[in-house]
Amino acid sequence: MDGFKDSYAFQIGYKDFDFLNVKNLYFQMEYNMVGADTYTFYDGELHYSHYNQALAHPAGNDFSEFLVVGAYSYDKFQLVAKLNLLKIGNQNIFDFYAEDGYYNLATASKPLIISGDLQLIYHLNKTNRMQVFVGISPRIDFERNDDSYFAQIGFRTAILTNYYDF
């Protein structure tokens, strides 16, 4: 059982519709933490990945993240904002050994990545979620001193209709 000492994960969150008694105001807050060896295994065939891609979370192992999502709807318009703070440890799902053979936890760096998304949406048809939207998604990586922005404009729909008359 000694191999399972860092195999833990934790999640806590809060979600509310009509937040602060404001009609059509959605709020979600969530904290996730995953230990260093949660999705790893010494046998590569039992390792929790598929073609070297993480199955559980894109960050792999040894991370903590804080997410905030807010959305407000008025008539056919909707404003959606998302913020994600991700702090990654030294190990990830693909690292079995460090370059020098051991990890120095005292001097280990913890990269911080902040990403967000802000969208203004106009609902053409709410039944099948037909939307026209414009948005921007910034991403800041403090360890690499890199920031990028992704601007988007588009049209989307979900042909599958949800029924809530049960």
N, C-alpha and C. Protein backbone atom coordinates (compact mmCIF):
# COMPACT_ATOMS: atom_id res chain seq x y z
N MET A 1 0.81 -1.20 0.00
CA MET A 1 0.00 0.00 0.00
C MET A 1 0.84 1.26 0.00
N ASP A 2 2.17 1.13 0.12
CA ASP A 2 3.02 2.31 0.15
C ASP A 2 2.96 3.08 -1.16
N GLY A 3 2.70 2.39 -2.26
CA GLY A 3 2.62 3.05 -3.55
C GLY A 3 1.39 3.94 -3.72
N PHE A 4 0.46 3.87 -2.77
CA PHE A 4 -0.77 4.64 -2.89
C PHE A 4 -0.78 5.87 -2.00
N LYS A 5 0.34 6.24 -1.39
CA LYS A 5 0.35 7.36 -0.45
C LYS A 5 0.04 8.70 -1.11
N ASP A 6 0.39 8.89 -2.38
CA ASP A 6 0.09 10.14 -3.08
C ASP A 6 -1.04 9.97 -4.08
N SER A 7 -1.82 8.90 -3.93
CA SER A 7 -2.93 8.65 -4.85
C SER A 7 -4.23 9.14 -4.22
N TYR A 8 -4.47 10.42 -4.35
CA TYR A 8 -5.68 11.00 -3.79
C TYR A 8 -6.17 12.11 -4.71
N ALA A 9 -7.42 12.41 -4.60
CA ALA A 9 -8.00 13.53 -5.33
C ALA A 9 -9.11 14.11 -4.48
N PHE A 10 -9.37 15.40 -4.66
CA PHE A 10 -10.34 16.10 -3.84
C PHE A 10 -11.05 17.13 -4.70
N GLN A 11 -12.34 17.26 -4.50
CA GLN A 11 -13.12 18.25 -5.24
C GLN A 11 -14.20 18.81 -4.33
N ILE A 12 -14.35 20.13 -4.38
CA ILE A 12 -15.44 20.78 -3.66
C ILE A 12 -15.93 21.93 -4.54
N GLY A 13 -17.21 22.17 -4.51
CA GLY A 13 -17.73 23.21 -5.38
C GLY A 13 -19.08 23.73 -4.93
N TYR A 14 -19.52 24.76 -5.63
CA TYR A 14 -20.80 25.39 -5.36
C TYR A 14 -21.39 25.82 -6.69
N LYS A 15 -22.67 25.56 -6.87
CA LYS A 15 -23.36 25.95 -8.10
C LYS A 15 -24.72 26.51 -7.71
N ASP A 16 -25.10 27.62 -8.35
CA ASP A 16 -26.38 28.25 -8.01
C ASP A 16 -26.98 28.90 -9.25
N PHE A 17 -28.25 28.68 -9.43
CA PHE A 17 -29.03 29.37 -10.45
C PHE A 17 -29.77 30.50 -9.75
N ASP A 18 -29.98 31.61 -10.37
CA ASP A 18 -30.56 32.81 -9.75
C ASP A 18 -29.73 33.21 -8.52
N PHE A 19 -28.43 33.32 -8.74
CA PHE A 19 -27.46 33.64 -7.70
C PHE A 19 -27.77 35.01 -7.09
N LEU A 20 -27.66 35.11 -5.79
CA LEU A 20 -27.96 36.33 -5.03
C LEU A 20 -29.37 36.85 -5.32
N ASN A 21 -30.27 35.92 -5.60
CA ASN A 21 -31.67 36.24 -5.91
C ASN A 21 -31.82 37.12 -7.15
N VAL A 22 -30.85 37.07 -8.05
CA VAL A 22 -30.93 37.79 -9.32
C VAL A 22 -31.38 36.78 -10.37
N LYS A 23 -32.53 37.04 -10.97
CA LYS A 23 -33.08 36.11 -11.96
C LYS A 23 -32.13 35.98 -13.15
N ASN A 24 -31.92 34.75 -13.59
CA ASN A 24 -31.08 34.39 -14.75
C ASN A 24 -29.59 34.63 -14.53
N LEU A 25 -29.16 34.71 -13.28
CA LEU A 25 -27.73 34.83 -12.98
C LEU A 25 -27.23 33.48 -12.48
N TYR A 26 -26.32 32.88 -13.22
CA TYR A 26 -25.76 31.57 -12.90
C TYR A 26 -24.36 31.76 -12.34
N PHE A 27 -24.02 30.98 -11.30
CA PHE A 27 -22.69 31.07 -10.70
C PHE A 27 -22.22 29.67 -10.33
N GLN A 28 -20.97 29.38 -10.65
CA GLN A 28 -20.35 28.11 -10.28
C GLN A 28 -18.93 28.37 -9.83
N MET A 29 -18.55 27.73 -8.73
CA MET A 29 -17.19 27.84 -8.20
C MET A 29 -16.76 26.43 -7.81
N GLU A 30 -15.50 26.09 -8.11
CA GLU A 30 -15.04 24.73 -7.90
C GLU A 30 -13.55 24.71 -7.60
N TYR A 31 -13.14 23.83 -6.69
CA TYR A 31 -11.72 23.63 -6.39
C TYR A 31 -11.42 22.15 -6.54
N ASN A 32 -10.36 21.82 -7.28
CA ASN A 32 -9.94 20.44 -7.51
C ASN A 32 -8.47 20.30 -7.14
N MET A 33 -8.14 19.18 -6.51
CA MET A 33 -6.76 18.90 -6.15
C MET A 33 -6.50 17.42 -6.41
N VAL A 34 -5.38 17.12 -7.08
CA VAL A 34 -5.02 15.74 -7.41
C VAL A 34 -3.59 15.51 -6.97
N GLY A 35 -3.34 14.39 -6.30
CA GLY A 35 -2.01 14.05 -5.80
C GLY A 35 -1.05 13.65 -6.90
N ALA A 36 0.22 13.48 -6.51
CA ALA A 36 1.30 13.25 -7.47
C ALA A 36 1.21 11.90 -8.18
N ASP A 37 0.67 10.89 -7.54
CA ASP A 37 0.66 9.55 -8.13
C ASP A 37 -0.75 9.03 -8.37
N THR A 38 -1.71 9.91 -8.50
CA THR A 38 -3.10 9.47 -8.59
C THR A 38 -3.37 8.64 -9.84
N TYR A 39 -2.88 9.07 -10.98
CA TYR A 39 -3.19 8.38 -12.23
C TYR A 39 -1.98 7.64 -12.81
N THR A 40 -0.96 7.39 -12.00
CA THR A 40 0.22 6.67 -12.49
C THR A 40 0.25 5.26 -11.93
N PHE A 41 1.02 4.41 -12.59
CA PHE A 41 1.22 3.05 -12.12
C PHE A 41 2.57 2.60 -12.66
N TYR A 42 3.30 1.81 -11.89
CA TYR A 42 4.65 1.42 -12.30
C TYR A 42 4.64 0.55 -13.56
N ASP A 43 3.55 -0.14 -13.81
CA ASP A 43 3.41 -0.95 -15.02
C ASP A 43 2.78 -0.09 -16.11
N GLY A 44 3.51 0.12 -17.20
CA GLY A 44 3.02 0.99 -18.27
C GLY A 44 1.71 0.55 -18.89
N GLU A 45 1.42 -0.76 -18.85
CA GLU A 45 0.16 -1.23 -19.43
C GLU A 45 -1.03 -0.88 -18.54
N LEU A 46 -0.79 -0.65 -17.28
CA LEU A 46 -1.87 -0.29 -16.36
C LEU A 46 -1.88 1.20 -16.05
N HIS A 47 -1.00 1.93 -16.70
CA HIS A 47 -0.90 3.38 -16.52
C HIS A 47 -2.18 4.04 -17.03
N TYR A 48 -2.69 5.02 -16.32
CA TYR A 48 -3.99 5.62 -16.63
C TYR A 48 -3.85 6.66 -17.74
N SER A 49 -3.53 6.18 -18.94
CA SER A 49 -3.45 7.05 -20.12
C SER A 49 -3.79 6.22 -21.35
N HIS A 50 -4.01 6.91 -22.44
CA HIS A 50 -4.32 6.23 -23.69
C HIS A 50 -3.55 6.93 -24.80
N TYR A 51 -2.63 6.23 -25.44
CA TYR A 51 -1.76 6.80 -26.46
C TYR A 51 -1.09 8.07 -25.95
N ASN A 52 -0.57 8.01 -24.74
CA ASN A 52 0.13 9.12 -24.08
C ASN A 52 -0.73 10.36 -23.89
N GLN A 53 -2.02 10.20 -23.82
CA GLN A 53 -2.93 11.31 -23.53
C GLN A 53 -3.62 11.03 -22.19
N ALA A 54 -3.70 12.05 -21.35
CA ALA A 54 -4.33 11.90 -20.05
C ALA A 54 -5.81 11.58 -20.21
N LEU A 55 -6.31 10.63 -19.42
CA LEU A 55 -7.72 10.27 -19.48
C LEU A 55 -8.55 11.06 -18.48
N ALA A 56 -7.98 11.43 -17.37
CA ALA A 56 -8.76 12.05 -16.31
C ALA A 56 -8.77 13.58 -16.38
N HIS A 57 -7.63 14.19 -16.63
CA HIS A 57 -7.53 15.65 -16.64
C HIS A 57 -6.35 16.03 -17.54
N PRO A 58 -6.47 17.09 -18.32
CA PRO A 58 -5.36 17.49 -19.19
C PRO A 58 -4.07 17.82 -18.44
N ALA A 59 -4.17 18.23 -17.19
CA ALA A 59 -2.97 18.56 -16.41
C ALA A 59 -2.26 17.33 -15.89
N GLY A 60 -2.87 16.16 -15.97
CA GLY A 60 -2.23 14.94 -15.50
C GLY A 60 -2.35 14.79 -14.00
N ASN A 61 -1.20 14.69 -13.32
CA ASN A 61 -1.14 14.51 -11.87
C ASN A 61 -0.58 15.75 -11.18
N ASP A 62 -0.67 15.74 -9.87
CA ASP A 62 -0.02 16.73 -9.01
C ASP A 62 -0.39 18.16 -9.42
N PHE A 63 -1.66 18.49 -9.30
CA PHE A 63 -2.11 19.83 -9.63
C PHE A 63 -3.25 20.23 -8.71
N SER A 64 -3.49 21.51 -8.66
CA SER A 64 -4.69 22.03 -8.02
C SER A 64 -5.23 23.12 -8.93
N GLU A 65 -6.54 23.24 -8.98
CA GLU A 65 -7.14 24.24 -9.84
C GLU A 65 -8.36 24.84 -9.17
N PHE A 66 -8.63 26.08 -9.54
CA PHE A 66 -9.78 26.81 -9.05
C PHE A 66 -10.52 27.36 -10.26
N LEU A 67 -11.81 27.06 -10.34
CA LEU A 67 -12.63 27.47 -11.48
C LEU A 67 -13.78 28.34 -11.00
N VAL A 68 -14.07 29.37 -11.77
CA VAL A 68 -15.22 30.23 -11.52
C VAL A 68 -15.93 30.43 -12.86
N VAL A 69 -17.24 30.20 -12.86
CA VAL A 69 -18.05 30.39 -14.06
C VAL A 69 -19.25 31.24 -13.68
N GLY A 70 -19.50 32.25 -14.48
CA GLY A 70 -20.67 33.09 -14.26
C GLY A 70 -21.37 33.36 -15.58
N ALA A 71 -22.69 33.42 -15.55
CA ALA A 71 -23.45 33.70 -16.76
C ALA A 71 -24.70 34.48 -16.39
N TYR A 72 -25.01 35.44 -17.23
CA TYR A 72 -26.23 36.23 -17.03
C TYR A 72 -26.99 36.29 -18.35
N SER A 73 -28.28 36.01 -18.28
CA SER A 73 -29.13 36.02 -19.47
C SER A 73 -30.17 37.12 -19.35
N TYR A 74 -30.36 37.83 -20.47
CA TYR A 74 -31.39 38.85 -20.55
C TYR A 74 -32.01 38.78 -21.93
N ASP A 75 -33.29 38.47 -21.95
CA ASP A 75 -34.03 38.30 -23.20
C ASP A 75 -33.30 37.25 -24.05
N LYS A 76 -32.81 37.58 -25.22
CA LYS A 76 -32.13 36.61 -26.08
C LYS A 76 -30.60 36.71 -25.98
N PHE A 77 -30.11 37.57 -25.11
CA PHE A 77 -28.66 37.75 -24.95
C PHE A 77 -28.17 37.01 -23.71
N GLN A 78 -26.93 36.57 -23.78
CA GLN A 78 -26.30 35.91 -22.64
C GLN A 78 -24.82 36.31 -22.61
N LEU A 79 -24.34 36.63 -21.43
CA LEU A 79 -22.93 36.94 -21.20
C LEU A 79 -22.37 35.83 -20.31
N VAL A 80 -21.31 35.17 -20.77
CA VAL A 80 -20.71 34.06 -20.04
C VAL A 80 -19.24 34.38 -19.79
N ALA A 81 -18.81 34.24 -18.54
CA ALA A 81 -17.41 34.47 -18.17
C ALA A 81 -16.90 33.25 -17.40
N LYS A 82 -15.68 32.81 -17.74
CA LYS A 82 -15.05 31.67 -17.08
C LYS A 82 -13.62 32.04 -16.73
N LEU A 83 -13.17 31.58 -15.56
CA LEU A 83 -11.80 31.80 -15.12
C LEU A 83 -11.28 30.51 -14.52
N ASN A 84 -10.06 30.12 -14.90
CA ASN A 84 -9.45 28.89 -14.42
C ASN A 84 -8.03 29.20 -13.99
N LEU A 85 -7.71 28.94 -12.73
CA LEU A 85 -6.35 29.07 -12.21
C LEU A 85 -5.83 27.67 -11.96
N LEU A 86 -4.75 27.29 -12.63
CA LEU A 86 -4.21 25.94 -12.57
C LEU A 86 -2.77 26.00 -12.08
N LYS A 87 -2.51 25.31 -10.97
CA LYS A 87 -1.16 25.23 -10.41
C LYS A 87 -0.69 23.80 -10.56
N ILE A 88 0.37 23.60 -11.35
CA ILE A 88 0.85 22.27 -11.69
C ILE A 88 2.11 21.96 -10.90
N GLY A 89 2.21 20.73 -10.40
CA GLY A 89 3.41 20.29 -9.69
C GLY A 89 4.48 19.82 -10.66
N ASN A 90 5.50 19.14 -10.14
CA ASN A 90 6.62 18.70 -10.96
C ASN A 90 6.28 17.50 -11.83
N GLN A 91 5.43 16.64 -11.35
CA GLN A 91 5.15 15.42 -12.10
C GLN A 91 3.92 15.61 -12.96
N ASN A 92 3.87 14.87 -14.04
CA ASN A 92 2.64 14.75 -14.79
C ASN A 92 2.41 13.28 -15.08
N ILE A 93 1.39 13.00 -15.79
CA ILE A 93 0.99 11.61 -15.99
C ILE A 93 2.02 10.78 -16.76
N PHE A 94 2.93 11.43 -17.48
CA PHE A 94 3.89 10.71 -18.31
C PHE A 94 5.28 10.62 -17.70
N ASP A 95 5.54 11.32 -16.60
CA ASP A 95 6.87 11.32 -15.97
C ASP A 95 6.97 10.21 -14.93
N PHE A 96 7.83 9.25 -15.18
CA PHE A 96 8.09 8.22 -14.19
C PHE A 96 9.31 8.58 -13.34
N TYR A 97 10.30 9.26 -13.94
CA TYR A 97 11.51 9.65 -13.23
C TYR A 97 11.91 11.05 -13.65
N ALA A 98 12.53 11.76 -12.75
CA ALA A 98 13.04 13.09 -13.09
C ALA A 98 14.31 12.94 -13.92
N GLU A 99 14.78 14.03 -14.51
CA GLU A 99 15.97 13.97 -15.36
C GLU A 99 17.20 13.51 -14.58
N ASP A 100 17.32 13.95 -13.32
CA ASP A 100 18.49 13.57 -12.53
C ASP A 100 18.22 12.34 -11.66
N GLY A 101 17.08 11.70 -11.81
CA GLY A 101 16.80 10.47 -11.08
C GLY A 101 15.99 10.66 -9.82
N TYR A 102 15.86 11.87 -9.32
CA TYR A 102 15.05 12.10 -8.11
C TYR A 102 14.45 13.49 -8.17
N TYR A 103 13.42 13.69 -7.39
CA TYR A 103 12.76 14.98 -7.30
C TYR A 103 13.18 15.68 -6.01
N ASN A 104 13.52 16.93 -6.11
CA ASN A 104 13.81 17.73 -4.93
C ASN A 104 12.56 18.55 -4.63
N LEU A 105 11.75 18.08 -3.70
CA LEU A 105 10.48 18.74 -3.43
C LEU A 105 10.65 20.11 -2.80
N ALA A 106 11.76 20.34 -2.13
CA ALA A 106 11.96 21.64 -1.48
C ALA A 106 12.16 22.76 -2.49
N THR A 107 12.80 22.46 -3.61
CA THR A 107 13.07 23.50 -4.61
C THR A 107 12.18 23.35 -5.84
N ALA A 108 11.16 22.53 -5.73
CA ALA A 108 10.29 22.29 -6.89
C ALA A 108 9.50 23.54 -7.24
N SER A 109 9.46 23.84 -8.53
CA SER A 109 8.65 24.97 -8.97
C SER A 109 7.23 24.49 -9.23
N LYS A 110 6.29 25.38 -9.03
CA LYS A 110 4.88 25.07 -9.27
C LYS A 110 4.35 26.05 -10.30
N PRO A 111 4.34 25.68 -11.57
CA PRO A 111 3.86 26.59 -12.60
C PRO A 111 2.41 26.99 -12.38
N LEU A 112 2.09 28.23 -12.71
CA LEU A 112 0.74 28.74 -12.60
C LEU A 112 0.26 29.15 -13.99
N ILE A 113 -0.90 28.64 -14.37
CA ILE A 113 -1.51 28.97 -15.65
C ILE A 113 -2.89 29.54 -15.38
N ILE A 114 -3.15 30.71 -15.93
CA ILE A 114 -4.46 31.34 -15.79
C ILE A 114 -5.09 31.39 -17.18
N SER A 115 -6.29 30.86 -17.28
CA SER A 115 -7.01 30.93 -18.55
C SER A 115 -8.43 31.38 -18.29
N GLY A 116 -9.00 31.99 -19.29
CA GLY A 116 -10.35 32.50 -19.15
C GLY A 116 -11.11 32.45 -20.45
N ASP A 117 -12.35 32.81 -20.37
CA ASP A 117 -13.20 32.84 -21.56
C ASP A 117 -14.32 33.83 -21.30
N LEU A 118 -14.54 34.72 -22.23
CA LEU A 118 -15.61 35.70 -22.14
C LEU A 118 -16.37 35.67 -23.46
N GLN A 119 -17.68 35.40 -23.38
CA GLN A 119 -18.48 35.29 -24.59
C GLN A 119 -19.77 36.09 -24.46
N LEU A 120 -20.14 36.75 -25.53
CA LEU A 120 -21.43 37.39 -25.67
C LEU A 120 -22.21 36.57 -26.69
N ILE A 121 -23.37 36.09 -26.28
CA ILE A 121 -24.14 35.15 -27.09
C ILE A 121 -25.52 35.74 -27.38
N TYR A 122 -25.95 35.56 -28.62
CA TYR A 122 -27.32 35.91 -29.00
C TYR A 122 -28.02 34.62 -29.41
N HIS A 123 -29.11 34.29 -28.73
CA HIS A 123 -29.85 33.05 -28.99
C HIS A 123 -30.85 33.28 -30.12
N LEU A 124 -30.61 32.63 -31.25
CA LEU A 124 -31.55 32.69 -32.36
C LEU A 124 -32.76 31.80 -32.10
N ASN A 125 -32.49 30.62 -31.51
CA ASN A 125 -33.54 29.67 -31.19
C ASN A 125 -33.11 28.92 -29.93
N LYS A 126 -33.77 29.15 -28.81
CA LYS A 126 -33.35 28.52 -27.56
C LYS A 126 -33.69 27.04 -27.50
N THR A 127 -34.66 26.59 -28.28
CA THR A 127 -35.05 25.18 -28.25
C THR A 127 -33.91 24.27 -28.69
N ASN A 128 -33.25 24.61 -29.77
CA ASN A 128 -32.12 23.80 -30.23
C ASN A 128 -30.78 24.52 -30.04
N ARG A 129 -30.76 25.49 -29.17
CA ARG A 129 -29.56 26.24 -28.79
C ARG A 129 -28.81 26.80 -30.00
N MET A 130 -29.54 27.33 -30.94
CA MET A 130 -28.93 27.98 -32.10
C MET A 130 -28.45 29.37 -31.66
N GLN A 131 -27.15 29.61 -31.80
CA GLN A 131 -26.54 30.82 -31.25
C GLN A 131 -25.57 31.46 -32.23
N VAL A 132 -25.48 32.77 -32.13
CA VAL A 132 -24.41 33.54 -32.75
C VAL A 132 -23.62 34.11 -31.58
N PHE A 133 -22.29 34.01 -31.63
CA PHE A 133 -21.51 34.43 -30.47
C PHE A 133 -20.22 35.11 -30.90
N VAL A 134 -19.68 35.88 -29.98
CA VAL A 134 -18.37 36.50 -30.12
C VAL A 134 -17.68 36.35 -28.77
N GLY A 135 -16.37 36.09 -28.79
CA GLY A 135 -15.69 35.87 -27.52
C GLY A 135 -14.20 36.03 -27.62
N ILE A 136 -13.58 36.05 -26.45
CA ILE A 136 -12.13 36.09 -26.35
C ILE A 136 -11.71 35.16 -25.21
N SER A 137 -10.61 34.44 -25.44
CA SER A 137 -10.10 33.48 -24.45
C SER A 137 -8.62 33.74 -24.21
N PRO A 138 -8.27 34.41 -23.12
CA PRO A 138 -6.85 34.61 -22.81
C PRO A 138 -6.27 33.42 -22.04
N ARG A 139 -4.96 33.22 -22.19
CA ARG A 139 -4.23 32.18 -21.44
C ARG A 139 -2.86 32.74 -21.09
N ILE A 140 -2.53 32.70 -19.80
CA ILE A 140 -1.25 33.23 -19.33
C ILE A 140 -0.51 32.11 -18.61
N ASP A 141 0.70 31.80 -19.07
CA ASP A 141 1.55 30.78 -18.46
C ASP A 141 2.73 31.51 -17.82
N PHE A 142 2.75 31.57 -16.49
CA PHE A 142 3.76 32.36 -15.78
C PHE A 142 5.13 31.70 -15.81
N GLU A 143 5.22 30.38 -15.85
CA GLU A 143 6.53 29.73 -15.86
C GLU A 143 7.24 29.98 -17.19
N ARG A 144 6.52 29.90 -18.28
CA ARG A 144 7.11 30.12 -19.60
C ARG A 144 7.09 31.58 -20.01
N ASN A 145 6.51 32.42 -19.18
CA ASN A 145 6.36 33.85 -19.47
C ASN A 145 5.70 34.02 -20.85
N ASP A 146 4.60 33.32 -21.01
CA ASP A 146 3.92 33.29 -22.30
C ASP A 146 2.44 33.60 -22.10
N ASP A 147 1.91 34.44 -22.95
CA ASP A 147 0.47 34.68 -22.92
C ASP A 147 -0.06 34.67 -24.35
N SER A 148 -1.27 34.18 -24.48
CA SER A 148 -1.89 34.09 -25.79
C SER A 148 -3.37 34.43 -25.66
N TYR A 149 -3.92 34.89 -26.76
CA TYR A 149 -5.33 35.27 -26.79
C TYR A 149 -5.97 34.63 -28.02
N PHE A 150 -7.14 34.11 -27.83
CA PHE A 150 -7.87 33.47 -28.91
C PHE A 150 -9.21 34.19 -29.06
N ALA A 151 -9.38 34.90 -30.16
CA ALA A 151 -10.64 35.59 -30.43
C ALA A 151 -11.50 34.69 -31.31
N GLN A 152 -12.79 34.71 -31.05
CA GLN A 152 -13.68 33.83 -31.80
C GLN A 152 -15.00 34.53 -32.10
N ILE A 153 -15.54 34.18 -33.23
CA ILE A 153 -16.86 34.63 -33.63
C ILE A 153 -17.47 33.47 -34.40
N GLY A 154 -18.74 33.19 -34.16
CA GLY A 154 -19.27 32.03 -34.85
C GLY A 154 -20.75 31.81 -34.67
N PHE A 155 -21.15 30.69 -35.22
CA PHE A 155 -22.52 30.21 -35.18
C PHE A 155 -22.47 28.77 -34.70
N ARG A 156 -23.33 28.40 -33.76
CA ARG A 156 -23.36 27.02 -33.27
C ARG A 156 -24.79 26.63 -32.92
N THR A 157 -25.00 25.34 -32.88
CA THR A 157 -26.31 24.81 -32.52
C THR A 157 -26.13 23.41 -31.96
N ALA A 158 -27.12 22.96 -31.24
CA ALA A 158 -27.16 21.59 -30.74
C ALA A 158 -28.45 20.98 -31.27
N ILE A 159 -28.32 20.14 -32.26
CA ILE A 159 -29.50 19.59 -32.91
C ILE A 159 -30.31 18.73 -31.95
N LEU A 160 -29.64 18.08 -31.01
CA LEU A 160 -30.35 17.28 -30.01
C LEU A 160 -31.16 18.21 -29.12
N THR A 161 -32.44 18.00 -29.06
CA THR A 161 -33.32 18.84 -28.26
C THR A 161 -33.52 18.21 -26.89
N ASN A 162 -33.39 19.00 -25.85
CA ASN A 162 -33.64 18.53 -24.49
C ASN A 162 -35.10 18.77 -24.12
N TYR A 163 -35.71 17.76 -23.54
CA TYR A 163 -37.09 17.88 -23.08
C TYR A 163 -37.11 17.85 -21.56
N TYR A 164 -37.81 18.78 -20.96
CA TYR A 164 -37.87 18.86 -19.51
C TYR A 164 -39.30 18.65 -19.00
N ASP A 165 -40.10 17.88 -19.72
CA ASP A 165 -41.50 17.67 -19.32
C ASP A 165 -41.71 16.31 -18.65
N PHE A 166 -40.75 15.86 -17.87
CA PHE A 166 -40.89 14.58 -17.20
C PHE A 166 -41.34 14.76 -15.77
